[in-house]
Amino acid sequence: MEHAHLAAIASPRRREILRLVWSREMAAGDIAAAMPDVTFGAVSLQLRALQDAGLVVCRPDQKNRFYKAKRDALGPVGRSLERMWDDALWRLKLAAQLEASRRGPAPRRKHHTPKH
């Protein structure tokens, strides 16, 4: 596997995007909507990195861009990623990694006021 592939999947955000487009084509806006803790611009940069590494293909359609994983580009590593994505512990680890890598102020949490 190429160094560019390893560098691309080293990022938890790019792995999450790759998971989203692994089995189906998705519009960039839908990918961004699935990652509400980052801006559309940040998702766009991650998509560009995955595309530059040869891990996703982009299909422009009017004003939208649709992305799909090039599953064969990762070879046996792709099968390992599939197994990892099915693991509940991995999903918990990903959530922690995404939170740790998030920039900017923490999202506002709704405060629960106890009833008297």
N, C-alpha and C. Protein backbone atom coordinates (compact mmCIF):
# COMPACT_ATOMS: atom_id res chain seq x y z
N MET A 1 0.85 -1.17 0.00
CA MET A 1 0.00 0.00 0.00
C MET A 1 0.89 1.24 0.00
N GLU A 2 0.45 2.27 -0.67
CA GLU A 2 1.23 3.49 -0.80
C GLU A 2 1.23 4.30 0.50
N HIS A 3 2.29 5.10 0.65
CA HIS A 3 2.39 5.99 1.80
C HIS A 3 1.21 6.97 1.84
N ALA A 4 0.79 7.45 0.66
CA ALA A 4 -0.33 8.40 0.60
C ALA A 4 -1.61 7.78 1.17
N HIS A 5 -1.82 6.48 0.94
CA HIS A 5 -3.00 5.80 1.49
C HIS A 5 -2.92 5.75 3.00
N LEU A 6 -1.76 5.38 3.53
CA LEU A 6 -1.60 5.31 4.98
C LEU A 6 -1.78 6.68 5.63
N ALA A 7 -1.20 7.69 5.01
CA ALA A 7 -1.34 9.05 5.55
C ALA A 7 -2.80 9.48 5.54
N ALA A 8 -3.52 9.12 4.48
CA ALA A 8 -4.93 9.52 4.38
C ALA A 8 -5.79 8.85 5.44
N ILE A 9 -5.55 7.57 5.70
CA ILE A 9 -6.41 6.88 6.68
C ILE A 9 -5.92 7.06 8.11
N ALA A 10 -4.81 7.79 8.29
CA ALA A 10 -4.33 8.06 9.65
C ALA A 10 -5.27 9.01 10.39
N SER A 11 -5.98 9.83 9.66
CA SER A 11 -6.90 10.80 10.26
C SER A 11 -8.23 10.15 10.62
N PRO A 12 -8.69 10.30 11.87
CA PRO A 12 -9.99 9.71 12.23
C PRO A 12 -11.14 10.30 11.41
N ARG A 13 -11.07 11.57 11.06
CA ARG A 13 -12.13 12.18 10.25
C ARG A 13 -12.17 11.58 8.85
N ARG A 14 -11.00 11.39 8.26
CA ARG A 14 -10.98 10.81 6.93
C ARG A 14 -11.43 9.35 6.96
N ARG A 15 -11.09 8.62 8.03
CA ARG A 15 -11.59 7.24 8.15
C ARG A 15 -13.11 7.24 8.26
N GLU A 16 -13.66 8.19 9.00
CA GLU A 16 -15.11 8.26 9.14
C GLU A 16 -15.76 8.60 7.80
N ILE A 17 -15.20 9.52 7.06
CA ILE A 17 -15.73 9.85 5.73
C ILE A 17 -15.64 8.63 4.83
N LEU A 18 -14.51 7.94 4.89
CA LEU A 18 -14.34 6.74 4.07
C LEU A 18 -15.40 5.69 4.43
N ARG A 19 -15.69 5.56 5.72
CA ARG A 19 -16.74 4.62 6.16
C ARG A 19 -18.09 5.01 5.56
N LEU A 20 -18.38 6.31 5.57
CA LEU A 20 -19.67 6.78 5.05
C LEU A 20 -19.84 6.47 3.58
N VAL A 21 -18.77 6.57 2.80
CA VAL A 21 -18.88 6.40 1.35
C VAL A 21 -18.36 5.03 0.90
N TRP A 22 -18.12 4.13 1.85
CA TRP A 22 -17.57 2.81 1.53
C TRP A 22 -18.50 1.98 0.66
N SER A 23 -19.78 1.98 0.99
CA SER A 23 -20.75 1.11 0.30
C SER A 23 -21.72 1.85 -0.59
N ARG A 24 -21.68 3.17 -0.55
CA ARG A 24 -22.63 3.93 -1.36
C ARG A 24 -22.06 5.30 -1.71
N GLU A 25 -22.56 5.84 -2.76
CA GLU A 25 -22.16 7.18 -3.17
C GLU A 25 -22.95 8.19 -2.34
N MET A 26 -22.28 9.25 -1.92
CA MET A 26 -22.96 10.27 -1.12
C MET A 26 -22.56 11.67 -1.62
N ALA A 27 -23.51 12.59 -1.53
CA ALA A 27 -23.24 13.99 -1.86
C ALA A 27 -22.38 14.59 -0.76
N ALA A 28 -21.55 15.53 -1.13
CA ALA A 28 -20.68 16.19 -0.15
C ALA A 28 -21.51 16.80 0.99
N GLY A 29 -22.65 17.38 0.66
CA GLY A 29 -23.51 17.97 1.68
C GLY A 29 -24.04 16.94 2.67
N ASP A 30 -24.35 15.75 2.18
CA ASP A 30 -24.83 14.69 3.06
C ASP A 30 -23.72 14.16 3.97
N ILE A 31 -22.50 14.12 3.43
CA ILE A 31 -21.35 13.71 4.24
C ILE A 31 -21.13 14.74 5.34
N ALA A 32 -21.18 16.01 4.99
CA ALA A 32 -21.01 17.08 5.98
C ALA A 32 -22.11 17.02 7.04
N ALA A 33 -23.33 16.72 6.62
CA ALA A 33 -24.45 16.64 7.57
C ALA A 33 -24.26 15.49 8.55
N ALA A 34 -23.58 14.44 8.11
CA ALA A 34 -23.32 13.30 8.99
C ALA A 34 -22.19 13.58 9.99
N MET A 35 -21.52 14.72 9.82
CA MET A 35 -20.42 15.11 10.70
C MET A 35 -20.68 16.53 11.21
N PRO A 36 -21.72 16.71 12.05
CA PRO A 36 -22.16 18.05 12.42
C PRO A 36 -21.18 18.84 13.29
N ASP A 37 -20.14 18.20 13.80
CA ASP A 37 -19.22 18.92 14.67
C ASP A 37 -18.12 19.65 13.91
N VAL A 38 -18.11 19.54 12.58
CA VAL A 38 -17.12 20.27 11.77
C VAL A 38 -17.83 21.01 10.65
N THR A 39 -17.17 22.00 10.10
CA THR A 39 -17.76 22.80 9.04
C THR A 39 -17.75 22.06 7.71
N PHE A 40 -18.58 22.53 6.80
CA PHE A 40 -18.58 21.96 5.45
C PHE A 40 -17.21 22.12 4.82
N GLY A 41 -16.57 23.27 5.04
CA GLY A 41 -15.24 23.52 4.49
C GLY A 41 -14.22 22.50 4.98
N ALA A 42 -14.29 22.13 6.26
CA ALA A 42 -13.37 21.13 6.80
C ALA A 42 -13.62 19.77 6.18
N VAL A 43 -14.88 19.41 5.99
CA VAL A 43 -15.21 18.14 5.36
C VAL A 43 -14.72 18.16 3.91
N SER A 44 -14.88 19.27 3.24
CA SER A 44 -14.43 19.40 1.86
C SER A 44 -12.92 19.18 1.75
N LEU A 45 -12.16 19.74 2.69
CA LEU A 45 -10.70 19.54 2.69
C LEU A 45 -10.34 18.07 2.89
N GLN A 46 -11.08 17.40 3.77
CA GLN A 46 -10.82 15.98 4.02
C GLN A 46 -11.16 15.15 2.78
N LEU A 47 -12.26 15.50 2.11
CA LEU A 47 -12.63 14.80 0.88
C LEU A 47 -11.55 14.99 -0.18
N ARG A 48 -11.02 16.19 -0.27
CA ARG A 48 -9.96 16.46 -1.25
C ARG A 48 -8.74 15.61 -0.95
N ALA A 49 -8.37 15.50 0.34
CA ALA A 49 -7.22 14.68 0.72
C ALA A 49 -7.44 13.21 0.34
N LEU A 50 -8.65 12.71 0.58
CA LEU A 50 -8.97 11.32 0.22
C LEU A 50 -8.93 11.13 -1.30
N GLN A 51 -9.42 12.13 -2.02
CA GLN A 51 -9.41 12.06 -3.48
C GLN A 51 -7.96 12.11 -4.00
N ASP A 52 -7.16 13.01 -3.44
CA ASP A 52 -5.75 13.13 -3.86
C ASP A 52 -4.98 11.85 -3.59
N ALA A 53 -5.35 11.13 -2.53
CA ALA A 53 -4.69 9.88 -2.19
C ALA A 53 -5.20 8.71 -3.04
N GLY A 54 -6.24 8.96 -3.84
CA GLY A 54 -6.78 7.91 -4.69
C GLY A 54 -7.72 6.96 -3.98
N LEU A 55 -8.29 7.40 -2.84
CA LEU A 55 -9.15 6.53 -2.06
C LEU A 55 -10.64 6.75 -2.32
N VAL A 56 -10.99 7.89 -2.90
CA VAL A 56 -12.38 8.15 -3.28
C VAL A 56 -12.41 8.72 -4.69
N VAL A 57 -13.53 8.52 -5.35
CA VAL A 57 -13.77 9.15 -6.65
C VAL A 57 -14.86 10.18 -6.46
N CYS A 58 -14.74 11.25 -7.22
CA CYS A 58 -15.72 12.34 -7.16
C CYS A 58 -16.44 12.42 -8.49
N ARG A 59 -17.76 12.50 -8.42
CA ARG A 59 -18.58 12.65 -9.62
C ARG A 59 -19.38 13.94 -9.51
N PRO A 60 -18.98 14.96 -10.29
CA PRO A 60 -19.76 16.20 -10.26
C PRO A 60 -21.09 16.00 -10.98
N ASP A 61 -22.14 16.60 -10.44
CA ASP A 61 -23.46 16.54 -11.06
C ASP A 61 -24.15 17.87 -10.78
N GLN A 62 -24.17 18.71 -11.78
CA GLN A 62 -24.68 20.07 -11.65
C GLN A 62 -23.96 20.78 -10.52
N LYS A 63 -24.66 21.20 -9.48
CA LYS A 63 -24.02 21.94 -8.38
C LYS A 63 -23.48 21.03 -7.29
N ASN A 64 -23.74 19.74 -7.36
CA ASN A 64 -23.33 18.80 -6.31
C ASN A 64 -22.11 17.99 -6.73
N ARG A 65 -21.42 17.48 -5.73
CA ARG A 65 -20.33 16.54 -5.95
C ARG A 65 -20.67 15.29 -5.14
N PHE A 66 -20.55 14.15 -5.80
CA PHE A 66 -20.85 12.87 -5.16
C PHE A 66 -19.56 12.08 -5.02
N TYR A 67 -19.41 11.46 -3.85
CA TYR A 67 -18.18 10.72 -3.54
C TYR A 67 -18.49 9.26 -3.24
N LYS A 68 -17.57 8.41 -3.66
CA LYS A 68 -17.66 6.97 -3.38
C LYS A 68 -16.24 6.45 -3.18
N ALA A 69 -16.10 5.54 -2.24
CA ALA A 69 -14.78 4.95 -1.95
C ALA A 69 -14.32 4.08 -3.10
N LYS A 70 -13.02 4.11 -3.34
CA LYS A 70 -12.39 3.16 -4.27
C LYS A 70 -11.89 2.02 -3.40
N ARG A 71 -12.79 1.10 -3.12
CA ARG A 71 -12.52 0.02 -2.15
C ARG A 71 -11.29 -0.80 -2.51
N ASP A 72 -11.07 -1.03 -3.78
CA ASP A 72 -9.92 -1.84 -4.18
C ASP A 72 -8.59 -1.14 -3.96
N ALA A 73 -8.59 0.18 -3.80
CA ALA A 73 -7.34 0.93 -3.63
C ALA A 73 -6.62 0.55 -2.33
N LEU A 74 -7.36 0.11 -1.32
CA LEU A 74 -6.75 -0.22 -0.03
C LEU A 74 -6.39 -1.69 0.10
N GLY A 75 -6.84 -2.51 -0.83
CA GLY A 75 -6.50 -3.93 -0.78
C GLY A 75 -6.93 -4.57 0.53
N PRO A 76 -6.05 -5.39 1.15
CA PRO A 76 -6.41 -6.08 2.38
C PRO A 76 -6.69 -5.13 3.55
N VAL A 77 -6.14 -3.93 3.51
CA VAL A 77 -6.40 -2.97 4.57
C VAL A 77 -7.88 -2.58 4.57
N GLY A 78 -8.48 -2.57 3.40
CA GLY A 78 -9.91 -2.26 3.31
C GLY A 78 -10.75 -3.27 4.07
N ARG A 79 -10.39 -4.54 3.97
CA ARG A 79 -11.14 -5.57 4.71
C ARG A 79 -10.95 -5.38 6.22
N SER A 80 -9.76 -4.98 6.62
CA SER A 80 -9.51 -4.71 8.05
C SER A 80 -10.34 -3.53 8.52
N LEU A 81 -10.45 -2.50 7.69
CA LEU A 81 -11.28 -1.35 8.05
C LEU A 81 -12.74 -1.76 8.20
N GLU A 82 -13.23 -2.61 7.29
CA GLU A 82 -14.61 -3.07 7.39
C GLU A 82 -14.87 -3.78 8.72
N ARG A 83 -13.95 -4.65 9.11
CA ARG A 83 -14.11 -5.35 10.40
C ARG A 83 -14.08 -4.36 11.55
N MET A 84 -13.19 -3.38 11.47
CA MET A 84 -13.06 -2.39 12.52
C MET A 84 -14.35 -1.56 12.63
N TRP A 85 -14.93 -1.18 11.49
CA TRP A 85 -16.13 -0.35 11.50
C TRP A 85 -17.31 -1.09 12.11
N ASP A 86 -17.31 -2.40 12.08
CA ASP A 86 -18.39 -3.18 12.65
C ASP A 86 -18.27 -3.34 14.17
N ASP A 87 -17.16 -2.93 14.72
CA ASP A 87 -16.86 -3.15 16.13
C ASP A 87 -17.36 -1.97 16.98
N ALA A 88 -18.15 -2.25 18.00
CA ALA A 88 -18.72 -1.20 18.86
C ALA A 88 -17.63 -0.44 19.60
N LEU A 89 -16.60 -1.12 20.04
CA LEU A 89 -15.51 -0.45 20.74
C LEU A 89 -14.81 0.54 19.82
N TRP A 90 -14.67 0.19 18.55
CA TRP A 90 -14.06 1.11 17.60
C TRP A 90 -14.89 2.37 17.48
N ARG A 91 -16.24 2.24 17.44
CA ARG A 91 -17.09 3.42 17.33
C ARG A 91 -16.92 4.34 18.53
N LEU A 92 -16.76 3.78 19.70
CA LEU A 92 -16.52 4.58 20.89
C LEU A 92 -15.17 5.29 20.80
N LYS A 93 -14.15 4.56 20.36
CA LYS A 93 -12.82 5.15 20.20
C LYS A 93 -12.86 6.28 19.18
N LEU A 94 -13.57 6.08 18.07
CA LEU A 94 -13.69 7.11 17.05
C LEU A 94 -14.33 8.36 17.62
N ALA A 95 -15.39 8.21 18.38
CA ALA A 95 -16.06 9.37 18.97
C ALA A 95 -15.09 10.16 19.84
N ALA A 96 -14.27 9.46 20.62
CA ALA A 96 -13.28 10.13 21.46
C ALA A 96 -12.22 10.82 20.61
N GLN A 97 -11.76 10.17 19.55
CA GLN A 97 -10.75 10.77 18.68
C GLN A 97 -11.30 12.00 17.96
N LEU A 98 -12.54 11.91 17.51
CA LEU A 98 -13.14 13.05 16.82
C LEU A 98 -13.29 14.23 17.76
N GLU A 99 -13.71 13.97 18.97
CA GLU A 99 -13.85 15.05 19.96
C GLU A 99 -12.50 15.66 20.27
N ALA A 100 -11.47 14.84 20.41
CA ALA A 100 -10.13 15.34 20.73
C ALA A 100 -9.54 16.15 19.58
N SER A 101 -9.92 15.83 18.35
CA SER A 101 -9.33 16.52 17.20
C SER A 101 -10.16 17.72 16.75
N ARG A 102 -11.32 17.92 17.37
CA ARG A 102 -12.20 19.02 16.99
C ARG A 102 -11.57 20.34 17.37
N ARG A 103 -11.70 21.32 16.50
CA ARG A 103 -11.17 22.65 16.79
C ARG A 103 -12.32 23.60 17.07
N GLY A 104 -12.00 24.66 17.78
CA GLY A 104 -13.01 25.66 18.07
C GLY A 104 -13.68 25.39 19.40
N PRO A 105 -14.66 26.23 19.73
CA PRO A 105 -15.33 26.07 21.02
C PRO A 105 -16.12 24.77 21.09
N ALA A 106 -16.25 24.28 22.28
CA ALA A 106 -17.02 23.05 22.49
C ALA A 106 -18.47 23.32 22.13
N PRO A 107 -19.16 22.32 21.57
CA PRO A 107 -20.57 22.52 21.25
C PRO A 107 -21.38 22.78 22.51
N ARG A 108 -22.38 23.61 22.37
CA ARG A 108 -23.23 23.91 23.52
C ARG A 108 -24.09 22.71 23.83
N ARG A 109 -24.16 22.41 25.09
CA ARG A 109 -25.00 21.30 25.53
C ARG A 109 -26.23 21.89 26.22
N LYS A 110 -27.33 21.24 26.00
CA LYS A 110 -28.56 21.70 26.66
C LYS A 110 -28.45 21.38 28.14
N HIS A 111 -28.76 22.35 28.94
CA HIS A 111 -28.74 22.14 30.38
C HIS A 111 -30.08 21.61 30.83
N HIS A 112 -30.04 20.57 31.60
CA HIS A 112 -31.26 19.97 32.12
C HIS A 112 -31.50 20.55 33.50
N THR A 113 -32.59 21.28 33.64
CA THR A 113 -32.92 21.85 34.95
C THR A 113 -33.86 20.90 35.67
N PRO A 114 -33.47 20.52 36.86
CA PRO A 114 -34.32 19.60 37.62
C PRO A 114 -35.65 20.25 37.99
N LYS A 115 -36.71 19.46 37.98
CA LYS A 115 -38.03 19.95 38.37
C LYS A 115 -38.15 19.86 39.88
N HIS A 116 -38.76 20.88 40.44
CA HIS A 116 -38.94 20.90 41.91
C HIS A 116 -40.29 20.43 42.29
